[in-house]
Amino acid sequence: LNMLTLSKKGGVPQGHIRVHGAPFTLLKYNETAASVEQFDTLWASLTVRDHLEHAVRLYQPQLDAAARDAAVQDLMKSVGLEDQQDVKAGNEFMRGLSGGNKRRLSIAVALAKRPSVLFLDEPTSGVDSASAVMIMSFLKKIAQARAITIACTIHQPPASVFAGFDNCMVLSMGRVAYFGKAESMGEYFASVGNAPPPDTNIAEFVLDLVNTDFTPEAGVRTLLDQWAERGGKPYHGASGEPAPAPKPAQADVLAR
């Protein structure tokens, strides 16, 4: 995700990124993308409305007062914070929003930029399971309603969260172990000799497969080599049907 958000946080990034056919430069990022970090960086003493008014003023300076207020109302409605608009963000010393609602507000601030691509680092980190499912549910609705692509990094997602993703990439040792439809991931690993047990959390099963703490390194390298033999083509099911036309979707990048 560091490379996708053009951040410098160690390591040596490699590869090429394009958006609508154009190189993903810092200028292109500022024009088309926004990101939400793992930990919310909100102002404790500002309300939900305060945050969004500042964000809209910053990202959409051309709006007059009426249009700006409409944009703020739309953002609050999009993330389900209309009833919380006068609540301060708060912190450990000041009562305010719940962890789940802070995450919603952080997403709303990013959406004020009107991005075509939204990156989220661990969007369900630090919230309870019910909030995690709710966050993923409204992210999917936002992706469809606003016609944007949402890419998330998720570690050890519960089945209820993983079910909300359209596409998934599994990374291990700096290499790809799987990329394609999330719903077809179990089918793919079964096709290479690693069928998941019945009623298993497929995300947890696959992450154990590509984790050298649970699988011998030689076995992990075999899985990575098997994927490399596909030539980087996304997996869309055993039928071999071509990928559907691009549409708003979420991509879950599972990194170890």
Protein backbone atom coordinates (compact mmCIF):
# COMPACT_ATOMS: atom_id res chain seq x y z
CA LEU A 1 0.00 0.00 0.00
CA ASN A 2 2.96 2.33 0.55
CA MET A 3 3.78 2.14 -3.13
CA LEU A 4 0.15 2.63 -4.16
CA THR A 5 -0.10 5.78 -2.05
CA LEU A 6 3.37 6.98 -3.10
CA SER A 7 4.60 6.91 0.51
CA LYS A 8 8.22 6.33 1.52
CA LYS A 9 8.26 3.98 4.50
CA GLY A 10 11.18 1.66 3.99
CA GLY A 11 11.83 -1.07 1.48
CA VAL A 12 12.50 -0.77 -2.23
CA PRO A 13 9.28 -0.35 -4.25
CA GLN A 14 9.25 -1.93 -7.69
CA GLY A 15 6.76 -2.03 -10.50
CA HIS A 16 4.59 0.30 -12.55
CA ILE A 17 1.21 1.78 -11.67
CA ARG A 18 -1.20 3.36 -14.15
CA VAL A 19 -4.58 5.01 -13.67
CA HIS A 20 -6.76 5.31 -16.77
CA GLY A 21 -3.67 4.46 -18.81
CA ALA A 22 -1.53 7.28 -17.36
CA PRO A 23 1.50 6.84 -15.05
CA PHE A 24 0.54 7.17 -11.39
CA THR A 25 2.68 10.18 -10.53
CA LEU A 26 2.29 12.36 -7.45
CA LEU A 27 0.31 14.83 -9.58
CA LYS A 28 -1.97 12.02 -10.78
CA TYR A 29 -2.39 10.81 -7.20
CA ASN A 30 -3.43 14.28 -6.05
CA GLU A 31 -5.93 14.50 -8.90
CA THR A 32 -7.53 11.07 -8.63
CA ALA A 33 -6.79 9.32 -5.33
CA ALA A 34 -7.19 9.58 -1.58
CA SER A 35 -6.11 7.37 1.31
CA VAL A 36 -7.17 6.57 4.86
CA GLU A 37 -4.41 5.49 7.22
CA GLN A 38 -4.71 2.66 9.72
CA PHE A 39 -4.99 5.03 12.67
CA ASP A 40 -7.49 7.87 12.55
CA THR A 41 -5.89 11.33 12.57
CA LEU A 42 -8.81 13.51 13.60
CA TRP A 43 -9.02 16.69 15.66
CA ALA A 44 -10.43 15.71 19.04
CA SER A 45 -12.22 19.02 19.65
CA LEU A 46 -13.89 19.28 16.24
CA THR A 47 -17.29 17.82 15.45
CA VAL A 48 -18.16 15.61 12.51
CA ARG A 49 -19.58 18.63 10.66
CA ASP A 50 -16.50 20.72 11.47
CA HIS A 51 -14.20 18.08 9.96
CA LEU A 52 -16.21 17.78 6.78
CA GLU A 53 -16.65 21.52 6.32
CA HIS A 54 -12.88 21.97 6.50
CA ALA A 55 -12.33 19.04 4.11
CA VAL A 56 -14.82 20.33 1.55
CA ARG A 57 -13.34 23.85 1.73
CA LEU A 58 -9.90 22.38 1.08
CA TYR A 59 -10.76 19.93 -1.69
CA GLN A 60 -13.61 21.82 -3.38
CA PRO A 61 -12.79 25.53 -2.96
CA GLN A 62 -14.93 26.50 -5.94
CA LEU A 63 -18.20 25.72 -4.11
CA ASP A 64 -20.34 28.51 -2.72
CA ALA A 65 -21.83 28.28 0.78
CA ALA A 66 -25.03 26.51 -0.29
CA ALA A 67 -23.22 23.95 -2.45
CA ARG A 68 -20.64 23.38 0.28
CA ASP A 69 -23.35 22.67 2.85
CA ALA A 70 -25.02 20.26 0.43
CA ALA A 71 -21.71 18.45 -0.08
CA VAL A 72 -21.22 18.13 3.68
CA GLN A 73 -24.75 16.77 4.12
CA ASP A 74 -24.17 14.28 1.31
CA LEU A 75 -20.93 13.03 2.90
CA MET A 76 -22.54 12.59 6.31
CA LYS A 77 -25.41 10.67 4.73
CA SER A 78 -23.01 8.51 2.69
CA VAL A 79 -21.20 7.24 5.79
CA GLY A 80 -24.19 7.21 8.14
CA LEU A 81 -23.11 10.02 10.46
CA GLU A 82 -26.06 12.39 10.12
CA ASP A 83 -27.17 11.72 13.70
CA GLN A 84 -23.59 12.27 14.93
CA GLN A 85 -22.86 15.54 13.11
CA ASP A 86 -22.54 17.61 16.28
CA VAL A 87 -20.45 15.04 18.18
CA LYS A 88 -16.76 15.81 18.65
CA ALA A 89 -14.21 13.28 17.48
CA GLY A 90 -12.82 13.00 21.00
CA ASN A 91 -9.80 11.11 22.29
CA GLU A 92 -8.67 9.25 25.42
CA PHE A 93 -9.22 12.42 27.46
CA MET A 94 -12.39 13.71 25.80
CA ARG A 95 -15.55 11.74 25.15
CA GLY A 96 -16.51 11.58 21.49
CA LEU A 97 -17.17 9.25 18.59
CA SER A 98 -16.89 5.48 18.87
CA GLY A 99 -14.02 3.73 17.11
CA GLY A 100 -16.28 2.63 14.26
CA ASN A 101 -17.68 6.13 13.77
CA LYS A 102 -14.19 7.65 13.81
CA ARG A 103 -13.29 5.33 10.95
CA ARG A 104 -16.43 6.41 9.11
CA LEU A 105 -15.49 10.06 9.57
CA SER A 106 -11.94 9.44 8.31
CA ILE A 107 -13.42 7.84 5.19
CA ALA A 108 -15.82 10.75 4.73
CA VAL A 109 -12.92 13.23 4.92
CA ALA A 110 -11.15 11.27 2.17
CA LEU A 111 -14.33 11.17 0.07
CA ALA A 112 -14.52 14.99 0.23
CA LYS A 113 -11.71 14.91 -2.32
CA ARG A 114 -14.05 13.07 -4.73
CA PRO A 115 -11.41 10.45 -5.62
CA SER A 116 -11.79 7.82 -8.31
CA VAL A 117 -9.52 5.51 -6.27
CA LEU A 118 -9.61 5.23 -2.48
CA PHE A 119 -6.92 3.35 -0.53
CA LEU A 120 -7.50 2.17 3.03
CA ASP A 121 -4.90 0.68 5.35
CA GLU A 122 -6.52 -1.79 7.75
CA PRO A 123 -9.98 -0.12 7.73
CA THR A 124 -11.35 -2.60 10.27
CA SER A 125 -8.40 -2.39 12.68
CA GLY A 126 -9.31 -1.40 16.23
CA VAL A 127 -13.08 -1.83 15.85
CA ASP A 128 -15.34 -4.62 17.06
CA SER A 129 -16.57 -7.34 14.69
CA ALA A 130 -20.02 -5.78 14.20
CA SER A 131 -18.48 -2.42 13.32
CA ALA A 132 -16.03 -4.12 10.95
CA VAL A 133 -18.87 -5.73 9.01
CA MET A 134 -20.77 -2.44 8.91
CA ILE A 135 -17.69 -0.57 7.64
CA MET A 136 -17.13 -3.05 4.83
CA SER A 137 -20.83 -2.97 3.94
CA PHE A 138 -20.98 0.77 3.50
CA LEU A 139 -17.63 0.80 1.66
CA LYS A 140 -19.16 -1.50 -0.93
CA LYS A 141 -22.21 0.76 -1.21
CA ILE A 142 -19.99 3.82 -1.56
CA ALA A 143 -17.94 2.12 -4.29
CA GLN A 144 -21.09 1.42 -6.27
CA ALA A 145 -22.88 4.71 -5.60
CA ARG A 146 -19.86 6.93 -6.35
CA ALA A 147 -18.32 4.74 -9.07
CA ILE A 148 -14.94 4.52 -7.37
CA THR A 149 -12.47 1.70 -6.80
CA ILE A 150 -11.63 0.95 -3.18
CA ALA A 151 -8.44 -0.94 -2.33
CA CYS A 152 -7.83 -2.15 1.22
CA THR A 153 -5.11 -3.98 3.09
CA ILE A 154 -6.56 -6.50 5.53
CA HIS A 155 -4.71 -8.90 7.84
CA GLN A 156 -6.56 -11.99 9.07
CA PRO A 157 -10.06 -10.87 7.99
CA PRO A 158 -13.02 -12.73 9.46
CA ALA A 159 -15.23 -14.50 6.93
CA SER A 160 -17.97 -11.87 7.29
CA VAL A 161 -15.52 -9.11 6.27
CA PHE A 162 -13.82 -11.06 3.49
CA ALA A 163 -17.21 -11.80 1.93
CA GLY A 164 -17.61 -8.09 1.16
CA PHE A 165 -14.74 -7.94 -1.33
CA ASP A 166 -14.94 -8.36 -5.07
CA ASN A 167 -11.27 -9.02 -5.79
CA CYS A 168 -8.36 -10.23 -3.70
CA MET A 169 -4.59 -10.28 -3.89
CA VAL A 170 -2.56 -12.45 -1.52
CA LEU A 171 1.09 -11.51 -1.00
CA SER A 172 3.88 -13.50 0.61
CA MET A 173 7.64 -12.95 0.66
CA GLY A 174 7.19 -10.00 -1.67
CA ARG A 175 5.46 -12.13 -4.32
CA VAL A 176 1.89 -12.79 -5.43
CA ALA A 177 0.28 -16.04 -4.33
CA TYR A 178 -3.18 -15.24 -5.72
CA PHE A 179 -4.96 -12.45 -7.56
CA GLY A 180 -8.50 -12.60 -8.84
CA LYS A 181 -12.10 -12.92 -7.73
CA ALA A 182 -12.35 -13.25 -3.96
CA GLU A 183 -15.14 -15.80 -4.31
CA SER A 184 -12.91 -18.00 -6.52
CA MET A 185 -9.88 -18.10 -4.23
CA GLY A 186 -10.77 -21.44 -2.61
CA GLU A 187 -11.38 -22.96 -6.04
CA TYR A 188 -7.95 -21.86 -7.24
CA PHE A 189 -6.03 -23.26 -4.27
CA ALA A 190 -7.96 -26.52 -4.58
CA SER A 191 -6.83 -26.69 -8.22
CA VAL A 192 -3.18 -26.57 -7.12
CA GLY A 193 -3.57 -29.29 -4.50
CA ASN A 194 -4.63 -27.28 -1.44
CA ALA A 195 -8.36 -27.71 -1.10
CA PRO A 196 -9.79 -25.84 1.90
CA PRO A 197 -11.71 -27.95 4.44
CA PRO A 198 -15.51 -27.59 4.48
CA ASP A 199 -16.91 -24.62 6.42
CA THR A 200 -13.50 -22.96 6.78
CA ASN A 201 -12.66 -19.26 6.73
CA ILE A 202 -11.04 -19.22 3.29
CA ALA A 203 -9.02 -16.07 4.01
CA GLU A 204 -7.54 -17.53 7.19
CA PHE A 205 -6.87 -20.86 5.46
CA VAL A 206 -4.99 -19.22 2.58
CA LEU A 207 -2.99 -16.89 4.82
CA ASP A 208 -1.81 -19.89 6.81
CA LEU A 209 -0.81 -21.57 3.53
CA VAL A 210 1.46 -18.68 2.51
CA ASN A 211 2.84 -17.98 6.00
CA THR A 212 6.20 -19.65 6.72
CA ASP A 213 5.26 -19.77 10.40
CA PHE A 214 2.66 -22.42 9.52
CA THR A 215 3.88 -23.84 6.20
CA PRO A 216 7.46 -24.91 5.39
CA GLU A 217 9.21 -22.29 3.27
CA ALA A 218 9.64 -24.76 0.42
CA GLY A 219 5.87 -25.26 0.34
CA VAL A 220 5.24 -21.51 0.26
CA ARG A 221 7.73 -21.06 -2.58
CA THR A 222 5.96 -23.82 -4.51
CA LEU A 223 2.66 -21.95 -4.20
CA LEU A 224 4.31 -18.73 -5.35
CA ASP A 225 5.92 -20.49 -8.31
CA GLN A 226 2.58 -22.05 -9.26
CA TRP A 227 1.00 -18.63 -9.42
CA ALA A 228 3.95 -17.16 -11.36
CA GLU A 229 3.45 -19.84 -14.01
CA ARG A 230 0.09 -18.21 -14.79
CA GLY A 231 1.95 -15.17 -16.10
CA GLY A 232 0.20 -12.70 -13.78
CA LYS A 233 -3.27 -13.24 -15.23
CA PRO A 234 -6.11 -12.77 -12.69
CA TYR A 235 -8.03 -15.91 -11.76
CA HIS A 236 -11.72 -15.73 -12.58
CA GLY A 237 -12.77 -19.31 -12.11
CA ALA A 238 -12.15 -22.73 -13.61
CA SER A 239 -14.21 -21.88 -16.70
CA GLY A 240 -11.42 -19.60 -17.85
CA GLU A 241 -13.89 -16.89 -18.81
CA PRO A 242 -12.34 -13.48 -19.47
CA ALA A 243 -12.63 -10.78 -16.83
CA PRO A 244 -15.84 -8.74 -16.94
CA ALA A 245 -15.74 -5.10 -17.99
CA PRO A 246 -14.24 -2.80 -15.31
CA LYS A 247 -16.70 -1.68 -12.66
CA PRO A 248 -16.54 -0.11 -9.22
CA ALA A 249 -15.02 -2.73 -6.98
CA GLN A 250 -12.96 -3.35 -3.91
CA ALA A 251 -9.61 -5.11 -3.93
CA ASP A 252 -8.40 -6.80 -0.77
CA VAL A 253 -4.60 -6.92 -0.57
CA LEU A 254 -3.67 -9.51 2.04
CA ALA A 255 -0.03 -8.96 2.99
CA ARG A 256 2.28 -10.97 5.24
